[in-house]
């Protein structure tokens, strides 16, 4: 599975640690920035990852800012993205199982690196259940179509 990751200036250190952690686990990770000394507005970073995820079927995105909230709001503006901001493992797992999310967002000012690693693991190990959840995801997609 291809992973795309980006952050704003509040989360460079955490992005770098999560990128290294995922690569150690043999994930194919494309780091879309930013790096030390750079600044970016979170909607710009979110758009970079969201566009890659939409264009690359089966891929996932990870976005990290101060809280994860701004990134999730911005990413969800891109058609085909279902992003969720989480700060604990249970929600990370269920957002994949129930919502078929394709972008995970969290905050470097909210959680520590070990919690972030557990969240990423839970998210990437979980699979969409389909069934009754597929009907709900279809309703979300219909909303997206109705409000272009």
Protein backbone atom coordinates (compact mmCIF):
# COMPACT_ATOMS: atom_id res chain seq x y z
CA UNK A 1 0.00 0.00 0.00
CA UNK A 2 1.33 3.42 -0.98
CA UNK A 3 1.21 6.06 1.74
CA UNK A 4 1.41 9.81 1.23
CA UNK A 5 2.34 11.95 4.22
CA UNK A 6 2.59 15.69 4.82
CA UNK A 7 2.49 18.18 7.67
CA UNK A 8 2.47 21.84 8.45
CA UNK A 9 5.20 23.61 10.44
CA UNK A 10 3.66 22.52 13.77
CA UNK A 11 4.36 18.86 13.06
CA UNK A 12 7.63 18.50 11.15
CA UNK A 13 9.33 16.43 13.85
CA UNK A 14 6.40 14.07 14.24
CA UNK A 15 6.00 13.70 10.46
CA UNK A 16 9.67 12.77 10.17
CA UNK A 17 9.44 10.22 12.98
CA UNK A 18 6.25 8.63 11.59
CA UNK A 19 7.75 8.50 8.09
CA UNK A 20 10.86 6.72 9.40
CA UNK A 21 8.72 4.37 11.52
CA UNK A 22 6.58 3.39 8.52
CA UNK A 23 9.58 2.87 6.27
CA UNK A 24 11.14 0.60 8.93
CA UNK A 25 7.94 -1.44 8.68
CA UNK A 26 8.46 -1.63 4.88
CA UNK A 27 5.64 0.69 3.86
CA UNK A 28 6.09 2.63 0.63
CA UNK A 29 5.91 6.20 1.94
CA UNK A 30 6.11 9.36 -0.15
CA UNK A 31 6.94 12.37 2.00
CA UNK A 32 5.29 15.44 0.50
CA UNK A 33 6.85 17.77 3.07
CA UNK A 34 7.46 20.06 4.70
CA UNK A 35 10.94 20.05 6.21
CA UNK A 36 12.81 22.02 8.87
CA UNK A 37 12.85 25.73 8.21
CA UNK A 38 9.86 25.65 5.86
CA UNK A 39 6.34 26.88 6.49
CA UNK A 40 3.10 25.92 4.80
CA UNK A 41 -0.56 26.57 5.44
CA UNK A 42 -2.31 23.33 6.40
CA UNK A 43 -4.88 23.52 3.55
CA UNK A 44 -2.02 23.48 1.03
CA UNK A 45 -0.44 20.40 2.64
CA UNK A 46 -3.84 18.69 2.85
CA UNK A 47 -4.49 19.33 -0.83
CA UNK A 48 -1.14 17.79 -1.81
CA UNK A 49 -1.90 14.53 -0.04
CA UNK A 50 -5.58 14.44 -0.98
CA UNK A 51 -4.85 14.81 -4.69
CA UNK A 52 -2.28 12.01 -4.56
CA UNK A 53 -4.65 9.67 -2.72
CA UNK A 54 -7.51 10.33 -5.16
CA UNK A 55 -5.22 9.73 -8.14
CA UNK A 56 -3.67 6.56 -6.69
CA UNK A 57 -6.41 4.00 -6.02
CA UNK A 58 -5.83 1.97 -2.88
CA UNK A 59 -3.36 4.41 -1.39
CA UNK A 60 -3.80 6.17 1.95
CA UNK A 61 -2.77 9.55 3.30
CA UNK A 62 -1.50 10.79 6.63
CA UNK A 63 -1.72 14.45 7.54
CA UNK A 64 -0.30 15.97 10.71
CA UNK A 65 -0.79 19.51 11.98
CA UNK A 66 -1.21 20.97 15.46
CA UNK A 67 -4.52 19.22 16.17
CA UNK A 68 -5.37 17.27 13.00
CA UNK A 69 -8.65 19.14 12.73
CA UNK A 70 -7.66 21.73 10.14
CA UNK A 71 -6.04 19.08 7.96
CA UNK A 72 -9.15 16.89 8.07
CA UNK A 73 -11.46 19.79 7.20
CA UNK A 74 -9.28 20.81 4.26
CA UNK A 75 -8.72 17.27 2.96
CA UNK A 76 -12.44 16.53 3.06
CA UNK A 77 -13.03 19.33 0.55
CA UNK A 78 -11.36 17.20 -2.14
CA UNK A 79 -13.83 14.94 -3.93
CA UNK A 80 -13.15 11.29 -3.11
CA UNK A 81 -11.49 11.94 0.24
CA UNK A 82 -12.83 10.70 3.54
CA UNK A 83 -10.47 12.07 6.17
CA UNK A 84 -10.76 11.71 9.93
CA UNK A 85 -8.97 13.49 12.74
CA UNK A 86 -8.28 11.06 15.59
CA UNK A 87 -6.39 11.20 18.85
CA UNK A 88 -6.72 7.63 20.09
CA UNK A 89 -6.42 4.09 18.78
CA UNK A 90 -10.06 2.99 18.90
CA UNK A 91 -11.27 5.77 16.61
CA UNK A 92 -8.35 5.19 14.25
CA UNK A 93 -9.40 1.57 13.84
CA UNK A 94 -13.12 2.26 13.50
CA UNK A 95 -12.68 5.05 11.00
CA UNK A 96 -11.28 2.43 8.62
CA UNK A 97 -13.69 -0.38 9.55
CA UNK A 98 -16.89 1.71 9.47
CA UNK A 99 -16.14 4.79 7.35
CA UNK A 100 -13.61 3.49 4.80
CA UNK A 101 -11.50 6.59 5.33
CA UNK A 102 -8.52 7.10 3.09
CA UNK A 103 -6.76 9.89 4.98
CA UNK A 104 -5.74 9.79 8.64
CA UNK A 105 -5.18 13.10 10.45
CA UNK A 106 -3.81 13.76 13.91
CA UNK A 107 -2.18 16.51 15.90
CA UNK A 108 1.42 16.82 17.06
CA UNK A 109 0.27 19.19 19.82
CA UNK A 110 -2.38 16.72 21.01
CA UNK A 111 -0.66 13.34 21.13
CA UNK A 112 2.84 12.03 21.68
CA UNK A 113 4.90 10.04 19.22
CA UNK A 114 4.19 6.63 20.78
CA UNK A 115 0.45 7.24 20.64
CA UNK A 116 0.84 8.43 17.05
CA UNK A 117 2.60 5.17 16.15
CA UNK A 118 -0.18 3.12 17.77
CA UNK A 119 -2.81 5.15 15.92
CA UNK A 120 -1.05 4.67 12.58
CA UNK A 121 -0.69 0.93 13.20
CA UNK A 122 -4.35 0.52 14.14
CA UNK A 123 -5.46 2.51 11.11
CA UNK A 124 -3.29 0.68 8.60
CA UNK A 125 -4.04 -2.78 10.00
CA UNK A 126 -7.82 -2.29 9.92
CA UNK A 127 -9.91 -3.05 6.85
CA UNK A 128 -13.26 -1.71 5.74
CA UNK A 129 -16.04 -4.16 6.71
CA UNK A 130 -18.45 -3.21 3.95
CA UNK A 131 -21.98 -4.52 4.54
CA UNK A 132 -24.21 -2.03 6.28
CA UNK A 133 -21.26 0.37 6.40
CA UNK A 134 -20.96 0.37 2.59
CA UNK A 135 -24.48 1.75 2.32
CA UNK A 136 -23.53 4.59 4.65
CA UNK A 137 -20.36 5.38 2.74
CA UNK A 138 -22.47 5.44 -0.43
CA UNK A 139 -24.71 8.04 1.22
CA UNK A 140 -21.64 10.15 2.00
CA UNK A 141 -20.55 9.87 -1.64
CA UNK A 142 -24.05 10.90 -2.75
CA UNK A 143 -23.80 14.01 -0.56
CA UNK A 144 -20.51 14.81 -2.24
CA UNK A 145 -22.14 14.52 -5.68
CA UNK A 146 -25.13 16.65 -4.69
CA UNK A 147 -23.03 19.56 -3.42
CA UNK A 148 -20.42 20.15 -6.11
